[in-house]
Amino acid sequence: MKFKIMAGTETYARINAIAAEIKRCQREAIAVTEELGGSGYYGEVLYVDTGITAITCEQPPAWPYKRVRKRGHGAAAYFPRNVKANQAILERIRRLPKVHQDQLNQAIGFVAHCVDDRYFFSFGLLTGKDFHLVSIDERADYTPLPDMSEITVSEYKQLREQGGEP
């Protein structure tokens, strides 16, 4: 199922507010990551953004760490060990703002659920200046909000190509 949400609607405004919070989370997480000598980070699965679980580094970090991902497709990933020397770092990571997946789901009235052997945790979202695009698996049980317009797959692909922020 593909949907278009036009600017000026309540759902568009809710998604914009969440998108702004996600960008704030990303900025703060990137700042912490860079201060620790990292080039990127992995977030927790239940959050749209932050909840850092690993920091990617080209070289092992200067602080006591545990390696959580070996070098493979990109840099290795590390996380500060829970030792006295890292308490300030760990506290800073714990205090990072987070956007939980349920917050995003609630913006369009989506509820995580199972259908047969499939679990539908969330939906795909592309944000844009004039509209947002939503993609939900056809097998999911979902009823769109009144200010969401269902569109065809070909229209979705065309609008997606016009741009937007993932």
C-alpha atoms as a PDB file:
ATOM      1  CA  MET A   1       0.000   0.000   0.000  1.00  0.00           C
ATOM      2  CA  LYS A   2       1.299   3.420  -0.936  1.00  0.00           C
ATOM      3  CA  PHE A   3       0.016   6.713   0.440  1.00  0.00           C
ATOM      4  CA  LYS A   4       0.612  10.401  -0.110  1.00  0.00           C
ATOM      5  CA  ILE A   5       0.176  12.920   2.702  1.00  0.00           C
ATOM      6  CA  MET A   6      -0.125  16.498   1.510  1.00  0.00           C
ATOM      7  CA  ALA A   7       1.337  19.542   3.247  1.00  0.00           C
ATOM      8  CA  GLY A   8      -1.194  21.384   5.382  1.00  0.00           C
ATOM      9  CA  THR A   9      -2.804  18.268   6.840  1.00  0.00           C
ATOM     10  CA  GLU A  10      -2.680  17.201  10.484  1.00  0.00           C
ATOM     11  CA  THR A  11      -0.807  14.000   9.651  1.00  0.00           C
ATOM     12  CA  TYR A  12       1.792  15.950   7.643  1.00  0.00           C
ATOM     13  CA  ALA A  13       2.337  18.266  10.625  1.00  0.00           C
ATOM     14  CA  ARG A  14       2.697  15.304  13.043  1.00  0.00           C
ATOM     15  CA  ILE A  15       5.273  13.659  10.779  1.00  0.00           C
ATOM     16  CA  ASN A  16       7.156  16.956  10.384  1.00  0.00           C
ATOM     17  CA  ALA A  17       7.380  17.331  14.161  1.00  0.00           C
ATOM     18  CA  ILE A  18       8.762  13.806  14.506  1.00  0.00           C
ATOM     19  CA  ALA A  19      11.166  14.340  11.573  1.00  0.00           C
ATOM     20  CA  ALA A  20      12.505  17.475  13.287  1.00  0.00           C
ATOM     21  CA  GLU A  21      13.059  15.502  16.497  1.00  0.00           C
ATOM     22  CA  ILE A  22      14.814  12.728  14.532  1.00  0.00           C
ATOM     23  CA  LYS A  23      17.174  15.298  12.987  1.00  0.00           C
ATOM     24  CA  ARG A  24      17.920  16.699  16.458  1.00  0.00           C
ATOM     25  CA  CYS A  25      18.677  13.174  17.709  1.00  0.00           C
ATOM     26  CA  GLN A  26      20.985  12.590  14.761  1.00  0.00           C
ATOM     27  CA  ARG A  27      22.870  15.859  15.297  1.00  0.00           C
ATOM     28  CA  GLU A  28      23.458  15.078  18.970  1.00  0.00           C
ATOM     29  CA  ALA A  29      24.476  11.467  18.283  1.00  0.00           C
ATOM     30  CA  ILE A  30      26.878  12.562  15.540  1.00  0.00           C
ATOM     31  CA  ALA A  31      28.420  15.125  17.896  1.00  0.00           C
ATOM     32  CA  VAL A  32      29.025  12.467  20.565  1.00  0.00           C
ATOM     33  CA  THR A  33      30.326  10.032  17.964  1.00  0.00           C
ATOM     34  CA  GLU A  34      32.792  12.564  16.558  1.00  0.00           C
ATOM     35  CA  GLU A  35      33.972  13.618  20.031  1.00  0.00           C
ATOM     36  CA  LEU A  36      34.796   9.958  20.696  1.00  0.00           C
ATOM     37  CA  GLY A  37      36.757   9.678  17.440  1.00  0.00           C
ATOM     38  CA  GLY A  38      34.095   7.778  15.543  1.00  0.00           C
ATOM     39  CA  SER A  39      32.853   8.173  12.008  1.00  0.00           C
ATOM     40  CA  GLY A  40      29.321   6.858  12.527  1.00  0.00           C
ATOM     41  CA  TYR A  41      27.051   4.939  14.867  1.00  0.00           C
ATOM     42  CA  TYR A  42      24.515   2.134  15.079  1.00  0.00           C
ATOM     43  CA  GLY A  43      21.241   2.827  16.863  1.00  0.00           C
ATOM     44  CA  GLU A  44      18.938   0.612  18.890  1.00  0.00           C
ATOM     45  CA  VAL A  45      16.403  -1.313  16.863  1.00  0.00           C
ATOM     46  CA  LEU A  46      13.339   0.015  18.726  1.00  0.00           C
ATOM     47  CA  TYR A  47      14.245   3.607  17.991  1.00  0.00           C
ATOM     48  CA  VAL A  48      13.926   5.520  14.747  1.00  0.00           C
ATOM     49  CA  ASP A  49      17.076   7.275  15.819  1.00  0.00           C
ATOM     50  CA  THR A  50      19.765   7.160  18.512  1.00  0.00           C
ATOM     51  CA  GLY A  51      20.054   4.862  21.399  1.00  0.00           C
ATOM     52  CA  ILE A  52      23.670   4.282  20.319  1.00  0.00           C
ATOM     53  CA  THR A  53      24.704   0.627  20.463  1.00  0.00           C
ATOM     54  CA  ALA A  54      28.018   0.968  18.603  1.00  0.00           C
ATOM     55  CA  ILE A  55      30.380   3.628  17.283  1.00  0.00           C
ATOM     56  CA  THR A  56      32.225   2.978  14.040  1.00  0.00           C
ATOM     57  CA  CYS A  57      35.933   3.819  13.999  1.00  0.00           C
ATOM     58  CA  GLU A  58      38.691   3.243  11.467  1.00  0.00           C
ATOM     59  CA  GLN A  59      41.138   2.612  14.329  1.00  0.00           C
ATOM     60  CA  PRO A  60      40.399   1.205  17.804  1.00  0.00           C
ATOM     61  CA  PRO A  61      39.313   4.046  20.104  1.00  0.00           C
ATOM     62  CA  ALA A  62      41.450   5.592  22.833  1.00  0.00           C
ATOM     63  CA  TRP A  63      38.863   4.809  25.534  1.00  0.00           C
ATOM     64  CA  PRO A  64      38.367   1.291  27.019  1.00  0.00           C
ATOM     65  CA  TYR A  65      36.060  -0.513  24.595  1.00  0.00           C
ATOM     66  CA  LYS A  66      34.519  -3.771  23.542  1.00  0.00           C
ATOM     67  CA  ARG A  67      34.354  -4.558  19.832  1.00  0.00           C
ATOM     68  CA  VAL A  68      30.766  -5.223  18.810  1.00  0.00           C
ATOM     69  CA  ARG A  69      31.315  -5.609  15.076  1.00  0.00           C
ATOM     70  CA  LYS A  70      34.387  -6.771  13.230  1.00  0.00           C
ATOM     71  CA  ARG A  71      35.657  -4.916  10.222  1.00  0.00           C
ATOM     72  CA  GLY A  72      33.866  -6.182   7.160  1.00  0.00           C
ATOM     73  CA  HIS A  73      31.696  -3.874   5.135  1.00  0.00           C
ATOM     74  CA  GLY A  74      33.188  -0.671   6.500  1.00  0.00           C
ATOM     75  CA  ALA A  75      34.751   0.295   9.794  1.00  0.00           C
ATOM     76  CA  ALA A  76      34.711  -1.869  12.899  1.00  0.00           C
ATOM     77  CA  ALA A  77      32.249  -0.875  15.604  1.00  0.00           C
ATOM     78  CA  TYR A  78      32.971  -0.398  19.292  1.00  0.00           C
ATOM     79  CA  PHE A  79      31.105   0.437  22.477  1.00  0.00           C
ATOM     80  CA  PRO A  80      32.569   1.860  25.704  1.00  0.00           C
ATOM     81  CA  ARG A  81      33.161  -0.767  28.378  1.00  0.00           C
ATOM     82  CA  ASN A  82      31.306  -0.274  31.631  1.00  0.00           C
ATOM     83  CA  VAL A  83      34.367   0.808  33.604  1.00  0.00           C
ATOM     84  CA  LYS A  84      34.937   3.803  35.851  1.00  0.00           C
ATOM     85  CA  ALA A  85      36.966   5.651  33.188  1.00  0.00           C
ATOM     86  CA  ASN A  86      33.992   5.491  30.771  1.00  0.00           C
ATOM     87  CA  GLN A  87      31.166   6.518  33.101  1.00  0.00           C
ATOM     88  CA  ALA A  88      30.928  10.069  31.700  1.00  0.00           C
ATOM     89  CA  ILE A  89      30.855   8.715  28.123  1.00  0.00           C
ATOM     90  CA  LEU A  90      28.229   6.096  28.978  1.00  0.00           C
ATOM     91  CA  GLU A  91      26.081   8.670  30.768  1.00  0.00           C
ATOM     92  CA  ARG A  92      26.283  10.993  27.766  1.00  0.00           C
ATOM     93  CA  ILE A  93      25.172   8.157  25.469  1.00  0.00           C
ATOM     94  CA  ARG A  94      22.313   7.222  27.853  1.00  0.00           C
ATOM     95  CA  ARG A  95      21.099  10.844  27.892  1.00  0.00           C
ATOM     96  CA  LEU A  96      20.920  11.195  24.117  1.00  0.00           C
ATOM     97  CA  PRO A  97      17.397  11.973  22.951  1.00  0.00           C
ATOM     98  CA  LYS A  98      15.548   9.120  21.272  1.00  0.00           C
ATOM     99  CA  VAL A  99      12.563   8.790  18.972  1.00  0.00           C
ATOM    100  CA  HIS A 100      10.824   5.464  19.593  1.00  0.00           C
ATOM    101  CA  GLN A 101       9.359   3.599  16.629  1.00  0.00           C
ATOM    102  CA  ASP A 102       5.892   3.771  18.238  1.00  0.00           C
ATOM    103  CA  GLN A 103       6.005   7.583  18.100  1.00  0.00           C
ATOM    104  CA  LEU A 104       6.381   7.430  14.337  1.00  0.00           C
ATOM    105  CA  ASN A 105       3.756   4.682  14.013  1.00  0.00           C
ATOM    106  CA  GLN A 106       1.237   6.735  16.001  1.00  0.00           C
ATOM    107  CA  ALA A 107       1.599   9.650  13.574  1.00  0.00           C
ATOM    108  CA  ILE A 108      -0.294   7.660  10.935  1.00  0.00           C
ATOM    109  CA  GLY A 109      -2.250   5.327  13.222  1.00  0.00           C
ATOM    110  CA  PHE A 110      -0.123   2.276  12.429  1.00  0.00           C
ATOM    111  CA  VAL A 111       0.055  -0.453  15.069  1.00  0.00           C
ATOM    112  CA  ALA A 112       2.745  -3.140  14.974  1.00  0.00           C
ATOM    113  CA  HIS A 113       1.074  -6.516  14.468  1.00  0.00           C
ATOM    114  CA  CYS A 114       1.344 -10.064  13.111  1.00  0.00           C
ATOM    115  CA  VAL A 115      -0.420 -11.463  10.087  1.00  0.00           C
ATOM    116  CA  ASP A 116       0.161 -15.186   9.618  1.00  0.00           C
ATOM    117  CA  ASP A 117       3.939 -15.620   9.926  1.00  0.00           C
ATOM    118  CA  ARG A 118       4.800 -11.956   9.280  1.00  0.00           C
ATOM    119  CA  TYR A 119       5.413  -9.248  11.860  1.00  0.00           C
ATOM    120  CA  PHE A 120       4.790  -5.686  10.698  1.00  0.00           C
ATOM    121  CA  PHE A 121       6.831  -3.411  12.932  1.00  0.00           C
ATOM    122  CA  SER A 122       6.517  -0.128  11.044  1.00  0.00           C
ATOM    123  CA  PHE A 123       6.272   1.465   7.626  1.00  0.00           C
ATOM    124  CA  GLY A 124       8.468   3.150   5.036  1.00  0.00           C
ATOM    125  CA  LEU A 125       8.516   6.937   5.007  1.00  0.00           C
ATOM    126  CA  LEU A 126       9.951   9.542   2.640  1.00  0.00           C
ATOM    127  CA  THR A 127       9.554  13.122   3.782  1.00  0.00           C
ATOM    128  CA  GLY A 128       9.313  16.018   1.386  1.00  0.00           C
ATOM    129  CA  LYS A 129       8.540  19.713   1.249  1.00  0.00           C
ATOM    130  CA  ASP A 130       5.091  19.444  -0.341  1.00  0.00           C
ATOM    131  CA  PHE A 131       4.126  15.892   0.639  1.00  0.00           C
ATOM    132  CA  HIS A 132       5.239  12.777   2.487  1.00  0.00           C
ATOM    133  CA  LEU A 133       5.121   9.262   1.061  1.00  0.00           C
ATOM    134  CA  VAL A 134       4.242   6.179   3.102  1.00  0.00           C
ATOM    135  CA  SER A 135       4.812   2.580   2.061  1.00  0.00           C
ATOM    136  CA  ILE A 136       3.189  -0.306   3.945  1.00  0.00           C
ATOM    137  CA  ASP A 137       3.390  -3.968   3.027  1.00  0.00           C
ATOM    138  CA  GLU A 138       0.231  -5.130   1.225  1.00  0.00           C
ATOM    139  CA  ARG A 139      -0.231  -7.965   3.727  1.00  0.00           C
ATOM    140  CA  ALA A 140      -0.388  -5.617   6.714  1.00  0.00           C
ATOM    141  CA  ASP A 141      -3.685  -4.804   8.388  1.00  0.00           C
ATOM    142  CA  TYR A 142      -3.906  -1.023   8.095  1.00  0.00           C
ATOM    143  CA  THR A 143      -6.603   1.586   7.548  1.00  0.00           C
ATOM    144  CA  PRO A 144      -5.264   4.981   6.445  1.00  0.00           C
ATOM    145  CA  LEU A 145      -6.180   8.207   8.187  1.00  0.00           C
ATOM    146  CA  PRO A 146      -8.684  10.459   6.372  1.00  0.00           C
ATOM    147  CA  ASP A 147      -5.999  12.931   5.223  1.00  0.00           C
ATOM    148  CA  MET A 148      -3.918  10.202   3.539  1.00  0.00           C
ATOM    149  CA  SER A 149      -4.513   9.469  -0.161  1.00  0.00           C
ATOM    150  CA  GLU A 150      -3.811   6.008  -1.518  1.00  0.00           C
ATOM    151  CA  ILE A 151      -1.706   6.115  -4.685  1.00  0.00           C
ATOM    152  CA  THR A 152      -0.521   3.562  -7.209  1.00  0.00           C
ATOM    153  CA  VAL A 153       2.901   1.968  -7.070  1.00  0.00           C
ATOM    154  CA  SER A 154       3.904   3.718 -10.305  1.00  0.00           C
ATOM    155  CA  GLU A 155       2.844   7.127  -8.899  1.00  0.00           C
ATOM    156  CA  TYR A 156       4.752   6.362  -5.699  1.00  0.00           C
ATOM    157  CA  LYS A 157       7.902   5.531  -7.674  1.00  0.00           C
ATOM    158  CA  GLN A 158       7.552   8.691  -9.774  1.00  0.00           C
ATOM    159  CA  LEU A 159       7.097  10.901  -6.689  1.00  0.00           C
ATOM    160  CA  ARG A 160       9.954   9.136  -4.905  1.00  0.00           C
ATOM    161  CA  GLU A 161      12.260   9.925  -7.822  1.00  0.00           C
ATOM    162  CA  GLN A 162      11.334  13.615  -7.563  1.00  0.00           C
ATOM    163  CA  GLY A 163      13.177  13.702  -4.283  1.00  0.00           C
ATOM    164  CA  GLY A 164      12.632  13.772  -0.605  1.00  0.00           C
ATOM    165  CA  GLU A 165      14.547  12.936   2.511  1.00  0.00           C
ATOM    166  CA  PRO A 166      14.680   9.269   3.531  1.00  0.00           C
END
